[in-house]
Amino acid sequence: MLVLTRKVNESIIIGDQTEVMVVEIKGDQVKIGVRAPRDITVYRGEIYKEIQKENIAAAQSEIPADIGAMIAKKKKK
């Protein structure tokens, strides 16, 4: 992990198009701003972990044994 020290209004650049800036420091909270292309998704760490957990659970869920019949039935309509 790269650890950098930044002051308010200082930033770091990730790649060619993503900038992370320290906007405000108040007590033990730091507000940061992220400037990135619209096609880049930006999540808070805890939200990203929850999304990954849900994706894994969905991938491991049981598929009905007659899924092929259900798909064929839909196509006939």
C-alpha atoms as a PDB file:
ATOM      1  CA  MET A   1       0.000   0.000   0.000  1.00  0.00           C
ATOM      2  CA  LEU A   2       1.271   3.431  -0.923  1.00  0.00           C
ATOM      3  CA  VAL A   3       0.789   5.931   1.917  1.00  0.00           C
ATOM      4  CA  LEU A   4       1.003   9.641   1.136  1.00  0.00           C
ATOM      5  CA  THR A   5       0.673  12.749   3.281  1.00  0.00           C
ATOM      6  CA  ARG A   6      -1.488  15.505   1.820  1.00  0.00           C
ATOM      7  CA  LYS A   7      -2.831  18.819   3.123  1.00  0.00           C
ATOM      8  CA  VAL A   8      -6.154  20.487   2.343  1.00  0.00           C
ATOM      9  CA  ASN A   9      -6.440  21.289  -1.395  1.00  0.00           C
ATOM     10  CA  GLU A  10      -3.584  18.929  -2.232  1.00  0.00           C
ATOM     11  CA  SER A  11      -4.293  15.898  -4.382  1.00  0.00           C
ATOM     12  CA  ILE A  12      -2.942  12.703  -5.845  1.00  0.00           C
ATOM     13  CA  ILE A  13      -3.370  11.577  -9.434  1.00  0.00           C
ATOM     14  CA  ILE A  14      -4.211   7.958 -10.270  1.00  0.00           C
ATOM     15  CA  GLY A  15      -3.527   7.007 -13.867  1.00  0.00           C
ATOM     16  CA  ASP A  16      -4.112   9.797 -16.357  1.00  0.00           C
ATOM     17  CA  GLN A  17      -7.704  10.681 -15.504  1.00  0.00           C
ATOM     18  CA  THR A  18      -8.416  10.240 -11.794  1.00  0.00           C
ATOM     19  CA  GLU A  19      -7.654  12.839  -9.144  1.00  0.00           C
ATOM     20  CA  VAL A  20      -8.266  12.441  -5.403  1.00  0.00           C
ATOM     21  CA  MET A  21      -8.174  15.706  -3.443  1.00  0.00           C
ATOM     22  CA  VAL A  22      -8.287  16.462   0.276  1.00  0.00           C
ATOM     23  CA  VAL A  23     -11.195  18.901   0.593  1.00  0.00           C
ATOM     24  CA  GLU A  24     -11.466  19.350   4.358  1.00  0.00           C
ATOM     25  CA  ILE A  25     -10.022  17.988   7.592  1.00  0.00           C
ATOM     26  CA  LYS A  26     -12.203  18.303  10.678  1.00  0.00           C
ATOM     27  CA  GLY A  27     -11.228  16.383  13.799  1.00  0.00           C
ATOM     28  CA  ASP A  28     -10.830  12.713  12.894  1.00  0.00           C
ATOM     29  CA  GLN A  29     -12.712  13.050   9.592  1.00  0.00           C
ATOM     30  CA  VAL A  30     -11.211  13.793   6.220  1.00  0.00           C
ATOM     31  CA  LYS A  31     -13.410  14.864   3.302  1.00  0.00           C
ATOM     32  CA  ILE A  32     -12.016  13.857  -0.058  1.00  0.00           C
ATOM     33  CA  GLY A  33     -13.140  14.663  -3.558  1.00  0.00           C
ATOM     34  CA  VAL A  34     -12.723  12.324  -6.490  1.00  0.00           C
ATOM     35  CA  ARG A  35     -12.570  13.587 -10.061  1.00  0.00           C
ATOM     36  CA  ALA A  36     -12.801  10.683 -12.504  1.00  0.00           C
ATOM     37  CA  PRO A  37     -14.374   9.877 -15.881  1.00  0.00           C
ATOM     38  CA  ARG A  38     -18.078   8.990 -15.689  1.00  0.00           C
ATOM     39  CA  ASP A  39     -17.382   5.408 -16.784  1.00  0.00           C
ATOM     40  CA  ILE A  40     -15.262   4.816 -13.659  1.00  0.00           C
ATOM     41  CA  THR A  41     -17.310   3.697 -10.664  1.00  0.00           C
ATOM     42  CA  VAL A  42     -16.275   5.016  -7.269  1.00  0.00           C
ATOM     43  CA  TYR A  43     -17.540   3.341  -4.075  1.00  0.00           C
ATOM     44  CA  ARG A  44     -16.853   3.738  -0.386  1.00  0.00           C
ATOM     45  CA  GLY A  45     -14.836   0.727   0.770  1.00  0.00           C
ATOM     46  CA  GLU A  46     -17.571  -0.743   2.978  1.00  0.00           C
ATOM     47  CA  ILE A  47     -20.160  -0.461   0.180  1.00  0.00           C
ATOM     48  CA  TYR A  48     -17.835  -2.147  -2.324  1.00  0.00           C
ATOM     49  CA  LYS A  49     -17.219  -5.041   0.087  1.00  0.00           C
ATOM     50  CA  GLU A  50     -20.985  -5.490   0.570  1.00  0.00           C
ATOM     51  CA  ILE A  51     -21.555  -5.536  -3.208  1.00  0.00           C
ATOM     52  CA  GLN A  52     -18.847  -8.188  -3.603  1.00  0.00           C
ATOM     53  CA  LYS A  53     -20.377 -10.272  -0.807  1.00  0.00           C
ATOM     54  CA  GLU A  54     -23.827 -10.096  -2.449  1.00  0.00           C
ATOM     55  CA  ASN A  55     -22.365 -11.030  -5.850  1.00  0.00           C
ATOM     56  CA  ILE A  56     -20.658 -14.087  -4.382  1.00  0.00           C
ATOM     57  CA  ALA A  57     -23.884 -15.140  -2.625  1.00  0.00           C
ATOM     58  CA  ALA A  58     -25.867 -14.735  -5.850  1.00  0.00           C
ATOM     59  CA  ALA A  59     -23.318 -16.763  -7.811  1.00  0.00           C
ATOM     60  CA  GLN A  60     -23.485 -19.558  -5.254  1.00  0.00           C
ATOM     61  CA  SER A  61     -27.279 -19.658  -5.012  1.00  0.00           C
ATOM     62  CA  GLU A  62     -28.988 -22.781  -6.275  1.00  0.00           C
ATOM     63  CA  ILE A  63     -30.272 -22.813  -9.851  1.00  0.00           C
ATOM     64  CA  PRO A  64     -33.590 -24.614 -10.291  1.00  0.00           C
ATOM     65  CA  ALA A  65     -33.128 -28.054 -11.887  1.00  0.00           C
ATOM     66  CA  ASP A  66     -35.694 -27.243 -14.566  1.00  0.00           C
ATOM     67  CA  ILE A  67     -34.102 -23.926 -15.618  1.00  0.00           C
ATOM     68  CA  GLY A  68     -33.744 -25.161 -19.208  1.00  0.00           C
ATOM     69  CA  ALA A  69     -37.470 -25.875 -19.415  1.00  0.00           C
ATOM     70  CA  MET A  70     -38.257 -22.438 -17.955  1.00  0.00           C
ATOM     71  CA  ILE A  71     -36.085 -20.714 -20.573  1.00  0.00           C
ATOM     72  CA  ALA A  72     -37.572 -22.766 -23.417  1.00  0.00           C
ATOM     73  CA  LYS A  73     -41.083 -21.911 -22.226  1.00  0.00           C
ATOM     74  CA  LYS A  74     -40.234 -18.162 -22.260  1.00  0.00           C
ATOM     75  CA  LYS A  75     -38.832 -18.365 -25.805  1.00  0.00           C
ATOM     76  CA  LYS A  76     -42.034 -19.967 -27.131  1.00  0.00           C
ATOM     77  CA  LYS A  77     -44.149 -16.986 -26.055  1.00  0.00           C
END
